[in-house]
Amino acid sequence: MINKIDEHEEDIRVVYKIANKLEQRIATLEKVLASHAKCIGEMREEEIGLNQEYRKKIVKRMGELHE
């Protein structure tokens, strides 16, 4: 009977250990995802800024062509 209890306690410890590792990995992934989202947002801001500059240049050039 005591052996069964010890086995169950060991099983519970193993499950908690696995759950703790999973929680740590999830927390790490959340940080990485947040970092990537920030980088993507910055890239999009730069892209939008570049696109606006290109648009201005194109409009200016087209205006010059029609003069």
PDB file of N, CA and C in Angstrom:
ATOM      1  N   MET A   1       0.823  -1.196   0.000  1.00  0.00           N
ATOM      2  CA  MET A   1       0.000   0.000   0.000  1.00  0.00           C
ATOM      3  C   MET A   1       0.869   1.262   0.000  1.00  0.00           C
ATOM      4  N   ILE A   2       1.906   1.260   0.838  1.00  0.00           N
ATOM      5  CA  ILE A   2       2.799   2.414   0.930  1.00  0.00           C
ATOM      6  C   ILE A   2       3.527   2.608  -0.401  1.00  0.00           C
ATOM      7  N   ASN A   3       3.904   1.509  -1.041  1.00  0.00           N
ATOM      8  CA  ASN A   3       4.582   1.606  -2.333  1.00  0.00           C
ATOM      9  C   ASN A   3       3.683   2.263  -3.376  1.00  0.00           C
ATOM     10  N   LYS A   4       2.407   1.930  -3.356  1.00  0.00           N
ATOM     11  CA  LYS A   4       1.457   2.534  -4.303  1.00  0.00           C
ATOM     12  C   LYS A   4       1.353   4.041  -4.065  1.00  0.00           C
ATOM     13  N   ILE A   5       1.304   4.430  -2.812  1.00  0.00           N
ATOM     14  CA  ILE A   5       1.229   5.848  -2.458  1.00  0.00           C
ATOM     15  C   ILE A   5       2.497   6.561  -2.923  1.00  0.00           C
ATOM     16  N   ASP A   6       3.657   5.935  -2.687  1.00  0.00           N
ATOM     17  CA  ASP A   6       4.921   6.516  -3.133  1.00  0.00           C
ATOM     18  C   ASP A   6       4.962   6.656  -4.648  1.00  0.00           C
ATOM     19  N   GLU A   7       4.460   5.641  -5.346  1.00  0.00           N
ATOM     20  CA  GLU A   7       4.421   5.686  -6.808  1.00  0.00           C
ATOM     21  C   GLU A   7       3.535   6.832  -7.288  1.00  0.00           C
ATOM     22  N   HIS A   8       2.395   7.001  -6.666  1.00  0.00           N
ATOM     23  CA  HIS A   8       1.477   8.078  -7.049  1.00  0.00           C
ATOM     24  C   HIS A   8       2.096   9.446  -6.773  1.00  0.00           C
ATOM     25  N   GLU A   9       2.766   9.563  -5.615  1.00  0.00           N
ATOM     26  CA  GLU A   9       3.422  10.831  -5.298  1.00  0.00           C
ATOM     27  C   GLU A   9       4.519  11.137  -6.308  1.00  0.00           C
ATOM     28  N   GLU A  10       5.263  10.124  -6.702  1.00  0.00           N
ATOM     29  CA  GLU A  10       6.314  10.321  -7.706  1.00  0.00           C
ATOM     30  C   GLU A  10       5.695  10.712  -9.047  1.00  0.00           C
ATOM     31  N   ASP A  11       4.608  10.079  -9.417  1.00  0.00           N
ATOM     32  CA  ASP A  11       3.916  10.413 -10.661  1.00  0.00           C
ATOM     33  C   ASP A  11       3.443  11.875 -10.638  1.00  0.00           C
ATOM     34  N   ILE A  12       2.917  12.278  -9.488  1.00  0.00           N
ATOM     35  CA  ILE A  12       2.438  13.661  -9.345  1.00  0.00           C
ATOM     36  C   ILE A  12       3.607  14.631  -9.468  1.00  0.00           C
ATOM     37  N   ARG A  13       4.751  14.304  -8.865  1.00  0.00           N
ATOM     38  CA  ARG A  13       5.941  15.160  -8.977  1.00  0.00           C
ATOM     39  C   ARG A  13       6.387  15.287 -10.436  1.00  0.00           C
ATOM     40  N   VAL A  14       6.367  14.175 -11.140  1.00  0.00           N
ATOM     41  CA  VAL A  14       6.775  14.184 -12.552  1.00  0.00           C
ATOM     42  C   VAL A  14       5.824  15.062 -13.367  1.00  0.00           C
ATOM     43  N   VAL A  15       4.541  14.941 -13.120  1.00  0.00           N
ATOM     44  CA  VAL A  15       3.559  15.749 -13.841  1.00  0.00           C
ATOM     45  C   VAL A  15       3.758  17.233 -13.543  1.00  0.00           C
ATOM     46  N   TYR A  16       3.979  17.581 -12.284  1.00  0.00           N
ATOM     47  CA  TYR A  16       4.225  18.981 -11.925  1.00  0.00           C
ATOM     48  C   TYR A  16       5.504  19.505 -12.570  1.00  0.00           C
ATOM     49  N   LYS A  17       6.531  18.653 -12.613  1.00  0.00           N
ATOM     50  CA  LYS A  17       7.793  19.060 -13.227  1.00  0.00           C
ATOM     51  C   LYS A  17       7.581  19.349 -14.715  1.00  0.00           C
ATOM     52  N   ILE A  18       6.846  18.486 -15.387  1.00  0.00           N
ATOM     53  CA  ILE A  18       6.542  18.689 -16.804  1.00  0.00           C
ATOM     54  C   ILE A  18       5.714  19.952 -17.000  1.00  0.00           C
ATOM     55  N   ALA A  19       4.727  20.153 -16.139  1.00  0.00           N
ATOM     56  CA  ALA A  19       3.874  21.342 -16.238  1.00  0.00           C
ATOM     57  C   ALA A  19       4.698  22.614 -16.030  1.00  0.00           C
ATOM     58  N   ASN A  20       5.626  22.595 -15.088  1.00  0.00           N
ATOM     59  CA  ASN A  20       6.475  23.763 -14.853  1.00  0.00           C
ATOM     60  C   ASN A  20       7.350  24.067 -16.066  1.00  0.00           C
ATOM     61  N   LYS A  21       7.919  23.032 -16.677  1.00  0.00           N
ATOM     62  CA  LYS A  21       8.738  23.239 -17.870  1.00  0.00           C
ATOM     63  C   LYS A  21       7.899  23.816 -19.003  1.00  0.00           C
ATOM     64  N   LEU A  22       6.694  23.293 -19.157  1.00  0.00           N
ATOM     65  CA  LEU A  22       5.803  23.810 -20.205  1.00  0.00           C
ATOM     66  C   LEU A  22       5.452  25.271 -19.958  1.00  0.00           C
ATOM     67  N   GLU A  23       5.181  25.617 -18.711  1.00  0.00           N
ATOM     68  CA  GLU A  23       4.876  27.015 -18.380  1.00  0.00           C
ATOM     69  C   GLU A  23       6.051  27.923 -18.709  1.00  0.00           C
ATOM     70  N   GLN A  24       7.261  27.468 -18.406  1.00  0.00           N
ATOM     71  CA  GLN A  24       8.451  28.259 -18.715  1.00  0.00           C
ATOM     72  C   GLN A  24       8.617  28.434 -20.217  1.00  0.00           C
ATOM     73  N   ARG A  25       8.405  27.374 -20.960  1.00  0.00           N
ATOM     74  CA  ARG A  25       8.542  27.447 -22.418  1.00  0.00           C
ATOM     75  C   ARG A  25       7.473  28.352 -23.020  1.00  0.00           C
ATOM     76  N   ILE A  26       6.268  28.269 -22.504  1.00  0.00           N
ATOM     77  CA  ILE A  26       5.192  29.133 -22.989  1.00  0.00           C
ATOM     78  C   ILE A  26       5.531  30.592 -22.705  1.00  0.00           C
ATOM     79  N   ALA A  27       6.043  30.865 -21.515  1.00  0.00           N
ATOM     80  CA  ALA A  27       6.420  32.245 -21.166  1.00  0.00           C
ATOM     81  C   ALA A  27       7.511  32.749 -22.108  1.00  0.00           C
ATOM     82  N   THR A  28       8.487  31.893 -22.408  1.00  0.00           N
ATOM     83  CA  THR A  28       9.549  32.270 -23.333  1.00  0.00           C
ATOM     84  C   THR A  28       8.984  32.545 -24.719  1.00  0.00           C
ATOM     85  N   LEU A  29       8.102  31.676 -25.183  1.00  0.00           N
ATOM     86  CA  LEU A  29       7.485  31.867 -26.500  1.00  0.00           C
ATOM     87  C   LEU A  29       6.670  33.153 -26.554  1.00  0.00           C
ATOM     88  N   GLU A  30       5.966  33.470 -25.476  1.00  0.00           N
ATOM     89  CA  GLU A  30       5.198  34.714 -25.434  1.00  0.00           C
ATOM     90  C   GLU A  30       6.116  35.919 -25.570  1.00  0.00           C
ATOM     91  N   LYS A  31       7.268  35.872 -24.903  1.00  0.00           N
ATOM     92  CA  LYS A  31       8.230  36.975 -25.010  1.00  0.00           C
ATOM     93  C   LYS A  31       8.768  37.098 -26.433  1.00  0.00           C
ATOM     94  N   VAL A  32       9.093  35.953 -27.032  1.00  0.00           N
ATOM     95  CA  VAL A  32       9.616  35.958 -28.403  1.00  0.00           C
ATOM     96  C   VAL A  32       8.558  36.485 -29.369  1.00  0.00           C
ATOM     97  N   LEU A  33       7.336  36.034 -29.210  1.00  0.00           N
ATOM     98  CA  LEU A  33       6.255  36.504 -30.080  1.00  0.00           C
ATOM     99  C   LEU A  33       6.042  38.005 -29.937  1.00  0.00           C
ATOM    100  N   ALA A  34       6.090  38.496 -28.714  1.00  0.00           N
ATOM    101  CA  ALA A  34       5.923  39.935 -28.488  1.00  0.00           C
ATOM    102  C   ALA A  34       7.054  40.709 -29.164  1.00  0.00           C
ATOM    103  N   SER A  35       8.259  40.178 -29.059  1.00  0.00           N
ATOM    104  CA  SER A  35       9.405  40.830 -29.692  1.00  0.00           C
ATOM    105  C   SER A  35       9.255  40.837 -31.207  1.00  0.00           C
ATOM    106  N   HIS A  36       8.835  39.708 -31.768  1.00  0.00           N
ATOM    107  CA  HIS A  36       8.643  39.620 -33.218  1.00  0.00           C
ATOM    108  C   HIS A  36       7.526  40.553 -33.680  1.00  0.00           C
ATOM    109  N   ALA A  37       6.457  40.620 -32.902  1.00  0.00           N
ATOM    110  CA  ALA A  37       5.354  41.514 -33.259  1.00  0.00           C
ATOM    111  C   ALA A  37       5.829  42.962 -33.275  1.00  0.00           C
ATOM    112  N   LYS A  38       6.660  43.307 -32.319  1.00  0.00           N
ATOM    113  CA  LYS A  38       7.202  44.663 -32.265  1.00  0.00           C
ATOM    114  C   LYS A  38       8.053  44.936 -33.499  1.00  0.00           C
ATOM    115  N   CYS A  39       8.907  43.988 -33.858  1.00  0.00           N
ATOM    116  CA  CYS A  39       9.764  44.150 -35.043  1.00  0.00           C
ATOM    117  C   CYS A  39       8.925  44.275 -36.312  1.00  0.00           C
ATOM    118  N   ILE A  40       7.901  43.446 -36.427  1.00  0.00           N
ATOM    119  CA  ILE A  40       7.031  43.503 -37.609  1.00  0.00           C
ATOM    120  C   ILE A  40       6.338  44.851 -37.678  1.00  0.00           C
ATOM    121  N   GLY A  41       5.875  45.349 -36.531  1.00  0.00           N
ATOM    122  CA  GLY A  41       5.235  46.660 -36.494  1.00  0.00           C
ATOM    123  C   GLY A  41       6.187  47.748 -36.935  1.00  0.00           C
ATOM    124  N   GLU A  42       7.429  47.669 -36.469  1.00  0.00           N
ATOM    125  CA  GLU A  42       8.422  48.672 -36.864  1.00  0.00           C
ATOM    126  C   GLU A  42       8.719  48.580 -38.355  1.00  0.00           C
ATOM    127  N   MET A  43       8.795  47.342 -38.867  1.00  0.00           N
ATOM    128  CA  MET A  43       9.051  47.161 -40.297  1.00  0.00           C
ATOM    129  C   MET A  43       7.908  47.729 -41.120  1.00  0.00           C
ATOM    130  N   ARG A  44       6.695  47.508 -40.665  1.00  0.00           N
ATOM    131  CA  ARG A  44       5.534  48.034 -41.400  1.00  0.00           C
ATOM    132  C   ARG A  44       5.542  49.560 -41.385  1.00  0.00           C
ATOM    133  N   GLU A  45       5.892  50.140 -40.243  1.00  0.00           N
ATOM    134  CA  GLU A  45       5.965  51.602 -40.168  1.00  0.00           C
ATOM    135  C   GLU A  45       6.994  52.132 -41.156  1.00  0.00           C
ATOM    136  N   GLU A  46       8.151  51.458 -41.225  1.00  0.00           N
ATOM    137  CA  GLU A  46       9.189  51.873 -42.169  1.00  0.00           C
ATOM    138  C   GLU A  46       8.699  51.706 -43.602  1.00  0.00           C
ATOM    139  N   GLU A  47       8.024  50.580 -43.859  1.00  0.00           N
ATOM    140  CA  GLU A  47       7.520  50.313 -45.207  1.00  0.00           C
ATOM    141  C   GLU A  47       6.502  51.365 -45.618  1.00  0.00           C
ATOM    142  N   ILE A  48       5.614  51.703 -44.711  1.00  0.00           N
ATOM    143  CA  ILE A  48       4.613  52.732 -44.999  1.00  0.00           C
ATOM    144  C   ILE A  48       5.311  54.053 -45.275  1.00  0.00           C
ATOM    145  N   GLY A  49       6.310  54.369 -44.455  1.00  0.00           N
ATOM    146  CA  GLY A  49       7.060  55.603 -44.666  1.00  0.00           C
ATOM    147  C   GLY A  49       7.747  55.606 -46.019  1.00  0.00           C
ATOM    148  N   LEU A  50       8.340  54.479 -46.389  1.00  0.00           N
ATOM    149  CA  LEU A  50       9.005  54.391 -47.692  1.00  0.00           C
ATOM    150  C   LEU A  50       7.986  54.508 -48.815  1.00  0.00           C
ATOM    151  N   ASN A  51       6.864  53.837 -48.660  1.00  0.00           N
ATOM    152  CA  ASN A  51       5.839  53.896 -49.696  1.00  0.00           C
ATOM    153  C   ASN A  51       5.347  55.327 -49.890  1.00  0.00           C
ATOM    154  N   GLN A  52       5.197  56.056 -48.808  1.00  0.00           N
ATOM    155  CA  GLN A  52       4.747  57.444 -48.919  1.00  0.00           C
ATOM    156  C   GLN A  52       5.793  58.273 -49.644  1.00  0.00           C
ATOM    157  N   GLU A  53       7.067  58.012 -49.366  1.00  0.00           N
ATOM    158  CA  GLU A  53       8.128  58.741 -50.060  1.00  0.00           C
ATOM    159  C   GLU A  53       8.122  58.409 -51.547  1.00  0.00           C
ATOM    160  N   TYR A  54       7.954  57.134 -51.867  1.00  0.00           N
ATOM    161  CA  TYR A  54       7.887  56.746 -53.276  1.00  0.00           C
ATOM    162  C   TYR A  54       6.689  57.387 -53.964  1.00  0.00           C
ATOM    163  N   ARG A  55       5.568  57.402 -53.260  1.00  0.00           N
ATOM    164  CA  ARG A  55       4.370  58.023 -53.836  1.00  0.00           C
ATOM    165  C   ARG A  55       4.616  59.495 -54.140  1.00  0.00           C
ATOM    166  N   LYS A  56       5.236  60.182 -53.205  1.00  0.00           N
ATOM    167  CA  LYS A  56       5.522  61.607 -53.422  1.00  0.00           C
ATOM    168  C   LYS A  56       6.419  61.792 -54.632  1.00  0.00           C
ATOM    169  N   LYS A  57       7.448  60.950 -54.745  1.00  0.00           N
ATOM    170  CA  LYS A  57       8.367  61.059 -55.872  1.00  0.00           C
ATOM    171  C   LYS A  57       7.663  60.769 -57.190  1.00  0.00           C
ATOM    172  N   ILE A  58       6.809  59.752 -57.179  1.00  0.00           N
ATOM    173  CA  ILE A  58       6.089  59.391 -58.406  1.00  0.00           C
ATOM    174  C   ILE A  58       5.152  60.516 -58.816  1.00  0.00           C
ATOM    175  N   VAL A  59       4.412  61.052 -57.857  1.00  0.00           N
ATOM    176  CA  VAL A  59       3.476  62.143 -58.162  1.00  0.00           C
ATOM    177  C   VAL A  59       4.250  63.362 -58.682  1.00  0.00           C
ATOM    178  N   LYS A  60       5.358  63.642 -58.053  1.00  0.00           N
ATOM    179  CA  LYS A  60       6.168  64.778 -58.484  1.00  0.00           C
ATOM    180  C   LYS A  60       6.686  64.542 -59.911  1.00  0.00           C
ATOM    181  N   ARG A  61       7.195  63.353 -60.151  1.00  0.00           N
ATOM    182  CA  ARG A  61       7.735  63.036 -61.486  1.00  0.00           C
ATOM    183  C   ARG A  61       6.637  63.075 -62.550  1.00  0.00           C
ATOM    184  N   MET A  62       5.471  62.565 -62.228  1.00  0.00           N
ATOM    185  CA  MET A  62       4.367  62.579 -63.192  1.00  0.00           C
ATOM    186  C   MET A  62       3.951  64.014 -63.486  1.00  0.00           C
ATOM    187  N   GLY A  63       3.965  64.828 -62.443  1.00  0.00           N
ATOM    188  CA  GLY A  63       3.649  66.241 -62.649  1.00  0.00           C
ATOM    189  C   GLY A  63       4.652  66.897 -63.573  1.00  0.00           C
ATOM    190  N   GLU A  64       5.931  66.554 -63.425  1.00  0.00           N
ATOM    191  CA  GLU A  64       6.973  67.093 -64.289  1.00  0.00           C
ATOM    192  C   GLU A  64       6.779  66.626 -65.732  1.00  0.00           C
ATOM    193  N   LEU A  65       6.343  65.399 -65.904  1.00  0.00           N
ATOM    194  CA  LEU A  65       6.147  64.863 -67.250  1.00  0.00           C
ATOM    195  C   LEU A  65       4.994  65.552 -67.980  1.00  0.00           C
ATOM    196  N   HIS A  66       3.991  65.980 -67.217  1.00  0.00           N
ATOM    197  CA  HIS A  66       2.816  66.607 -67.820  1.00  0.00           C
ATOM    198  C   HIS A  66       2.984  68.102 -68.022  1.00  0.00           C
ATOM    199  N   GLU A  67       4.083  68.677 -67.596  1.00  0.00           N
ATOM    200  CA  GLU A  67       4.286  70.124 -67.755  1.00  0.00           C
ATOM    201  C   GLU A  67       4.692  70.480 -69.156  1.00  0.00           C
TER     202      GLU A  67
END
